[in-house]
Amino acid sequence: MKHYSIILLVTAAMISGCTSARFYHNAPPLPFSEIDYTFSMQTGEINGVPLAWYDSGGYGEVVLFVHGLASNAGFWRYNVPDLRAAGLRVIAVDLPGYGKSGKSYDIPYGLGFYARTLEALLEHLDISSVTVIGHSMGAQIALTLVLQECPRVKGLVLLSPAGIERFKQGEGEWLKKSVTPEFVINTPEEHIRANLAANFYCWRDELEWMVEERARMAKTPEFRGFAYAVSQSVAAMIDEPVWMDLEKITVPVMIVGGANDNLIPNPYLHGGFTEPIMRRGAEEMPNAELHMLPNTGHMLQIERPEKVNRLILDFLERK
């Protein structure tokens, strides 16, 4: 199996009915520091690394958004305004290696490290109680944070969560060997669009900012550090599983999955449907509920933001 066909890739035929392709071969590089998230970030040294985060401030209930693999805090742009308008104090972080945060081969990328960094950020911001909202890899990090017994976490919202699907040892090793920094660096633009489109039930032209951002970031010197962080993150998701400890997650949990998620279960290793995996995860956590959204893919916080935002607000009212 060729490298370009793994993890996220769908054929152009699958997206041709939803979008018209544009190309950014001649567009200038886009430094990570200049990416427009639609909200402003602040920076500081947290847990020994340069970290960037958004903090709406205020005195409302606190939620912390944690993005997924190969993305950044800007992927919450359709969620931050609604939750902020509802009176919540909203925080969205760029994990180390991503977005406007530091990128270095010396950073010990891993889910445990990411969880400790989030706890250090909460301590830095003097936040004693928080609901963590994680997408995909960010959801697995959120679960890791609870398993590390962070007392600040009072609830979890897990959107298309990684960490619930089981992988055998050989399967995990195949994934780790497939997603190398060179694989990330050498992804051509037409495959960037297909990879991103695989996250959606139907790709739309108004999401083209995702393709432009990724294609132009790839032209910067900093991109190599990002690619290394992505490859290390994939390895961490395999090497630091959480599925066997779900019964230890006793805080209130809401899982939200897309019924048409092309990435969970892994289509090249397992196949099948998303709901049974999400349902099993919800059943194994003592205080969890599950919501499946029809006609929705993996990136549900972008594809169905109004529904996801409403579910989050309702969950916060109930817990």
Protein backbone atom coordinates (compact mmCIF):
# COMPACT_ATOMS: atom_id res chain seq x y z
CA MET A 1 0.00 0.00 0.00
CA LYS A 2 1.47 3.34 -1.03
CA HIS A 3 2.01 6.00 1.61
CA TYR A 4 -0.27 8.55 0.00
CA SER A 5 -3.26 6.25 0.43
CA ILE A 6 -3.12 5.91 4.21
CA ILE A 7 -4.95 7.47 7.15
CA LEU A 8 -6.88 10.36 5.57
CA LEU A 9 -6.83 10.02 1.80
CA VAL A 10 -10.01 9.68 -0.25
CA THR A 11 -10.14 9.89 -4.03
CA ALA A 12 -10.91 13.13 -5.83
CA ALA A 13 -14.08 11.56 -7.15
CA MET A 14 -15.52 11.46 -3.65
CA ILE A 15 -15.30 15.23 -3.29
CA SER A 16 -15.87 16.43 -6.84
CA GLY A 17 -19.59 16.92 -6.26
CA CYS A 18 -19.10 19.18 -3.26
CA THR A 19 -16.33 21.57 -4.23
CA SER A 20 -14.31 23.14 -7.01
CA ALA A 21 -10.56 22.77 -6.61
CA ARG A 22 -8.22 25.71 -6.25
CA PHE A 23 -4.44 25.61 -6.14
CA TYR A 24 -1.83 27.48 -4.12
CA HIS A 25 1.38 26.52 -5.90
CA ASN A 26 2.19 30.19 -6.50
CA ALA A 27 0.90 31.55 -3.19
CA PRO A 28 3.49 32.94 -0.76
CA PRO A 29 4.53 31.00 2.37
CA LEU A 30 2.33 31.43 5.42
CA PRO A 31 4.35 31.58 8.66
CA PHE A 32 2.65 29.79 11.52
CA SER A 33 2.69 33.03 13.52
CA GLU A 34 0.58 34.73 10.84
CA ILE A 35 -2.23 32.16 10.57
CA ASP A 36 -5.56 33.90 11.12
CA TYR A 37 -7.57 31.95 13.70
CA THR A 38 -10.19 34.75 13.85
CA PHE A 39 -9.23 35.24 17.51
CA SER A 40 -5.99 36.41 19.10
CA MET A 41 -3.51 34.17 20.88
CA GLN A 42 -1.13 34.90 23.73
CA THR A 43 2.12 33.13 24.42
CA GLY A 44 4.28 32.11 27.34
CA GLU A 45 6.58 29.36 28.53
CA ILE A 46 4.51 26.52 29.98
CA ASN A 47 5.97 23.20 31.11
CA GLY A 48 9.31 24.26 29.66
CA VAL A 49 8.06 24.95 26.11
CA PRO A 50 6.78 28.05 24.27
CA LEU A 51 3.00 27.69 24.26
CA ALA A 52 0.25 29.70 22.54
CA TRP A 53 -3.34 29.88 23.73
CA TYR A 54 -6.52 31.92 23.51
CA ASP A 55 -8.30 33.00 26.69
CA SER A 56 -11.57 34.91 26.50
CA GLY A 57 -11.27 35.86 30.18
CA GLY A 58 -14.21 36.52 32.42
CA TYR A 59 -15.67 34.68 35.37
CA GLY A 60 -17.89 32.11 33.70
CA GLU A 61 -17.55 28.32 33.75
CA VAL A 62 -14.30 27.36 32.02
CA VAL A 63 -13.95 25.16 28.94
CA LEU A 64 -10.64 24.17 27.37
CA PHE A 65 -10.55 23.26 23.66
CA VAL A 66 -7.84 20.77 22.61
CA HIS A 67 -7.37 20.27 18.88
CA GLY A 68 -6.58 17.06 17.02
CA LEU A 69 -3.74 15.74 14.90
CA ALA A 70 -2.16 18.09 12.35
CA SER A 71 -4.48 20.99 13.23
CA ASN A 72 -4.42 23.97 15.61
CA ALA A 73 -6.58 26.16 17.83
CA GLY A 74 -8.04 27.85 14.76
CA PHE A 75 -10.03 24.71 14.02
CA TRP A 76 -12.35 25.84 16.85
CA ARG A 77 -13.26 29.10 15.07
CA TYR A 78 -16.89 28.03 14.65
CA ASN A 79 -17.25 27.09 18.33
CA VAL A 80 -15.39 29.71 20.36
CA PRO A 81 -17.75 32.65 19.59
CA ASP A 82 -20.96 30.81 20.54
CA LEU A 83 -19.61 29.46 23.80
CA ARG A 84 -18.07 32.82 24.67
CA ALA A 85 -21.40 34.52 23.93
CA ALA A 86 -23.08 32.05 26.30
CA GLY A 87 -21.01 33.47 29.15
CA LEU A 88 -18.32 30.80 29.34
CA ARG A 89 -14.64 31.48 29.80
CA VAL A 90 -13.21 29.84 26.68
CA ILE A 91 -9.61 28.70 26.34
CA ALA A 92 -8.19 27.16 23.15
CA VAL A 93 -4.61 25.92 23.04
CA ASP A 94 -2.05 25.19 20.35
CA LEU A 95 -0.37 22.00 21.49
CA PRO A 96 3.45 22.03 21.43
CA GLY A 97 4.58 21.39 17.86
CA TYR A 98 1.41 22.87 16.38
CA GLY A 99 0.14 26.28 15.31
CA LYS A 100 1.82 29.19 17.05
CA SER A 101 3.39 27.06 19.81
CA GLY A 102 7.06 26.07 19.86
CA LYS A 103 8.41 23.33 17.59
CA SER A 104 11.61 21.56 18.47
CA TYR A 105 13.19 18.13 18.09
CA ASP A 106 13.99 18.40 21.81
CA ILE A 107 10.33 18.50 22.86
CA PRO A 108 9.27 15.09 24.26
CA TYR A 109 6.08 14.82 22.21
CA GLY A 110 3.62 12.37 23.68
CA LEU A 111 0.12 12.25 25.12
CA GLY A 112 1.37 12.24 28.70
CA PHE A 113 3.56 15.24 27.97
CA TYR A 114 0.66 17.05 26.30
CA ALA A 115 -1.59 16.31 29.28
CA ARG A 116 1.01 17.62 31.74
CA THR A 117 1.40 20.75 29.62
CA LEU A 118 -2.36 21.36 29.73
CA GLU A 119 -2.37 20.93 33.49
CA ALA A 120 0.53 23.38 33.76
CA LEU A 121 -1.41 25.87 31.62
CA LEU A 122 -4.45 25.55 33.89
CA GLU A 123 -2.22 26.15 36.90
CA HIS A 124 -0.64 29.16 35.18
CA LEU A 125 -4.12 30.59 34.55
CA ASP A 126 -5.22 29.78 38.12
CA ILE A 127 -8.12 27.62 36.90
CA SER A 128 -9.32 25.09 39.45
CA SER A 129 -12.29 23.63 37.54
CA VAL A 130 -12.58 22.99 33.81
CA THR A 131 -14.47 20.95 31.24
CA VAL A 132 -12.05 19.76 28.57
CA ILE A 133 -13.38 19.56 25.01
CA GLY A 134 -11.10 17.47 22.81
CA HIS A 135 -11.33 16.51 19.16
CA SER A 136 -9.86 13.23 17.91
CA MET A 137 -6.28 13.12 19.28
CA GLY A 138 -7.26 16.00 21.56
CA ALA A 139 -9.95 13.76 23.06
CA GLN A 140 -7.37 11.05 23.75
CA ILE A 141 -5.21 13.69 25.45
CA ALA A 142 -8.23 14.77 27.52
CA LEU A 143 -8.75 11.16 28.64
CA THR A 144 -5.05 10.93 29.48
CA LEU A 145 -5.35 14.09 31.58
CA VAL A 146 -8.08 12.49 33.68
CA LEU A 147 -6.16 9.22 33.96
CA GLN A 148 -3.21 11.23 35.27
CA GLU A 149 -5.60 12.29 38.05
CA CYS A 150 -5.71 15.99 37.26
CA PRO A 151 -8.16 17.27 39.91
CA ARG A 152 -9.04 20.34 37.86
CA VAL A 153 -10.99 18.38 35.22
CA LYS A 154 -14.67 18.17 36.14
CA GLY A 155 -16.02 16.87 32.83
CA LEU A 156 -15.07 15.80 29.30
CA VAL A 157 -16.59 16.40 25.88
CA LEU A 158 -15.03 13.94 23.43
CA LEU A 159 -15.63 14.77 19.77
CA SER A 160 -14.78 11.96 17.33
CA PRO A 161 -12.44 10.63 20.01
CA ALA A 162 -9.25 8.74 19.25
CA GLY A 163 -8.14 6.28 21.89
CA ILE A 164 -11.34 4.23 22.01
CA GLU A 165 -10.69 2.11 18.91
CA ARG A 166 -8.48 -0.90 19.66
CA PHE A 167 -5.30 -1.54 17.68
CA LYS A 168 -3.23 -4.72 17.73
CA GLN A 169 0.53 -4.41 18.10
CA GLY A 170 1.26 -5.09 14.43
CA GLU A 171 -1.36 -2.60 13.29
CA GLY A 172 0.09 0.11 15.50
CA GLU A 173 3.61 -0.49 14.23
CA TRP A 174 2.37 -0.20 10.63
CA LEU A 175 0.75 3.16 11.37
CA LYS A 176 3.85 4.47 13.14
CA LYS A 177 6.13 3.50 10.26
CA SER A 178 3.77 4.96 7.66
CA VAL A 179 3.39 8.49 9.02
CA THR A 180 6.95 9.83 8.89
CA PRO A 181 8.02 13.49 8.78
CA GLU A 182 8.94 12.98 5.12
CA PHE A 183 5.45 11.68 4.38
CA VAL A 184 3.94 14.83 5.87
CA ILE A 185 6.44 17.14 4.16
CA ASN A 186 6.08 15.58 0.72
CA THR A 187 2.27 15.46 0.56
CA PRO A 188 1.31 17.17 -2.74
CA GLU A 189 -1.38 19.82 -2.75
CA GLU A 190 -4.03 17.70 -4.45
CA HIS A 191 -3.61 15.12 -1.72
CA ILE A 192 -3.80 17.80 0.97
CA ARG A 193 -7.30 18.64 -0.24
CA ALA A 194 -8.30 14.98 -0.41
CA ASN A 195 -6.90 14.33 3.08
CA LEU A 196 -8.86 17.23 4.54
CA ALA A 197 -12.02 16.33 2.62
CA ALA A 198 -11.88 12.84 4.13
CA ASN A 199 -12.71 14.47 7.47
CA PHE A 200 -16.14 15.61 6.20
CA TYR A 201 -19.37 14.08 5.03
CA CYS A 202 -19.37 16.68 2.27
CA TRP A 203 -16.54 19.12 1.65
CA ARG A 204 -17.66 22.70 0.93
CA ASP A 205 -15.97 25.62 -0.79
CA GLU A 206 -16.17 27.77 2.34
CA LEU A 207 -13.75 25.35 4.02
CA GLU A 208 -11.06 26.13 1.47
CA TRP A 209 -9.16 28.11 4.14
CA MET A 210 -8.02 24.77 5.51
CA VAL A 211 -6.34 23.79 2.24
CA GLU A 212 -4.75 27.20 1.72
CA GLU A 213 -3.44 27.29 5.28
CA ARG A 214 -1.89 23.82 5.04
CA ALA A 215 -0.43 24.31 1.54
CA ARG A 216 1.17 27.65 2.38
CA MET A 217 2.46 26.52 5.79
CA ALA A 218 4.32 23.74 3.99
CA LYS A 219 6.50 26.36 2.29
CA THR A 220 7.94 27.66 5.57
CA PRO A 221 11.14 26.50 7.32
CA GLU A 222 9.10 25.84 10.47
CA PHE A 223 7.04 23.18 8.70
CA ARG A 224 9.67 20.50 9.17
CA GLY A 225 9.30 20.83 12.95
CA PHE A 226 5.53 20.57 12.58
CA ALA A 227 5.90 17.43 10.46
CA TYR A 228 8.09 15.87 13.13
CA ALA A 229 5.47 16.69 15.79
CA VAL A 230 2.75 15.06 13.67
CA SER A 231 4.74 11.85 13.21
CA GLN A 232 5.57 11.70 16.91
CA SER A 233 1.91 12.33 17.79
CA VAL A 234 0.79 9.37 15.68
CA ALA A 235 3.31 7.18 17.46
CA ALA A 236 2.12 8.51 20.84
CA MET A 237 -1.51 7.67 20.12
CA ILE A 238 -0.42 4.08 19.49
CA ASP A 239 2.14 3.82 22.30
CA GLU A 240 -0.01 5.51 24.99
CA PRO A 241 -3.43 3.86 24.62
CA VAL A 242 -6.33 4.63 26.96
CA TRP A 243 -9.02 2.19 25.86
CA MET A 244 -8.14 -0.39 28.51
CA ASP A 245 -8.62 2.19 31.31
CA LEU A 246 -11.95 3.73 30.31
CA GLU A 247 -13.69 2.35 33.39
CA LYS A 248 -11.44 4.64 35.47
CA ILE A 249 -12.94 7.76 33.82
CA THR A 250 -15.57 8.67 36.42
CA VAL A 251 -16.16 12.35 35.61
CA PRO A 252 -19.22 13.20 33.47
CA VAL A 253 -18.44 12.51 29.81
CA MET A 254 -20.24 13.30 26.57
CA ILE A 255 -19.10 11.55 23.40
CA VAL A 256 -20.21 13.04 20.09
CA GLY A 257 -19.52 11.08 16.92
CA GLY A 258 -20.24 11.54 13.24
CA ALA A 259 -22.23 8.67 11.76
CA ASN A 260 -20.25 9.04 8.53
CA ASP A 261 -16.77 9.32 10.05
CA ASN A 262 -14.30 8.09 7.40
CA LEU A 263 -11.42 7.82 9.87
CA ILE A 264 -12.91 5.90 12.82
CA PRO A 265 -12.63 2.96 12.55
CA ASN A 266 -9.40 3.04 10.56
CA PRO A 267 -10.59 2.18 7.04
CA TYR A 268 -7.40 0.36 6.03
CA LEU A 269 -7.04 -1.81 9.12
CA HIS A 270 -10.53 -2.39 10.49
CA GLY A 271 -13.36 -1.00 8.39
CA GLY A 272 -16.92 -1.09 9.63
CA PHE A 273 -18.98 1.63 11.28
CA THR A 274 -18.23 4.36 13.78
CA GLU A 275 -21.21 4.01 16.13
CA PRO A 276 -20.31 0.58 17.62
CA ILE A 277 -16.88 1.89 18.63
CA MET A 278 -18.31 5.06 20.18
CA ARG A 279 -21.06 3.11 21.92
CA ARG A 280 -18.59 0.64 23.41
CA GLY A 281 -16.49 3.52 24.72
CA ALA A 282 -19.54 5.19 26.29
CA GLU A 283 -20.63 1.93 27.91
CA GLU A 284 -17.21 1.36 29.46
CA MET A 285 -17.13 4.79 31.14
CA PRO A 286 -19.36 4.88 34.24
CA ASN A 287 -20.83 8.34 33.64
CA ALA A 288 -20.89 8.78 29.86
CA GLU A 289 -23.51 9.62 27.26
CA LEU A 290 -23.33 9.25 23.48
CA HIS A 291 -24.69 11.37 20.65
CA MET A 292 -24.28 10.32 17.01
CA LEU A 293 -24.83 12.96 14.32
CA PRO A 294 -26.19 11.75 10.95
CA ASN A 295 -24.68 12.95 7.67
CA THR A 296 -21.58 14.09 9.58
CA GLY A 297 -17.91 13.19 9.26
CA HIS A 298 -14.88 13.24 11.54
CA MET A 299 -14.45 17.03 11.77
CA LEU A 300 -17.90 17.52 13.25
CA GLN A 301 -17.13 20.72 15.20
CA ILE A 302 -16.57 22.39 11.81
CA GLU A 303 -19.16 20.53 9.76
CA ARG A 304 -22.01 20.82 12.32
CA PRO A 305 -20.95 23.65 14.66
CA GLU A 306 -24.43 24.78 15.68
CA LYS A 307 -25.42 21.26 16.74
CA VAL A 308 -22.12 20.59 18.50
CA ASN A 309 -22.24 23.92 20.33
CA ARG A 310 -25.80 23.25 21.49
CA LEU A 311 -24.85 19.78 22.73
CA ILE A 312 -21.90 21.23 24.68
CA LEU A 313 -24.04 23.92 26.33
CA ASP A 314 -26.75 21.39 27.24
CA PHE A 315 -24.14 19.04 28.70
CA LEU A 316 -22.66 21.81 30.82
CA GLU A 317 -26.12 22.66 32.16
CA ARG A 318 -26.77 19.04 33.14
CA LYS A 319 -23.49 18.01 34.73
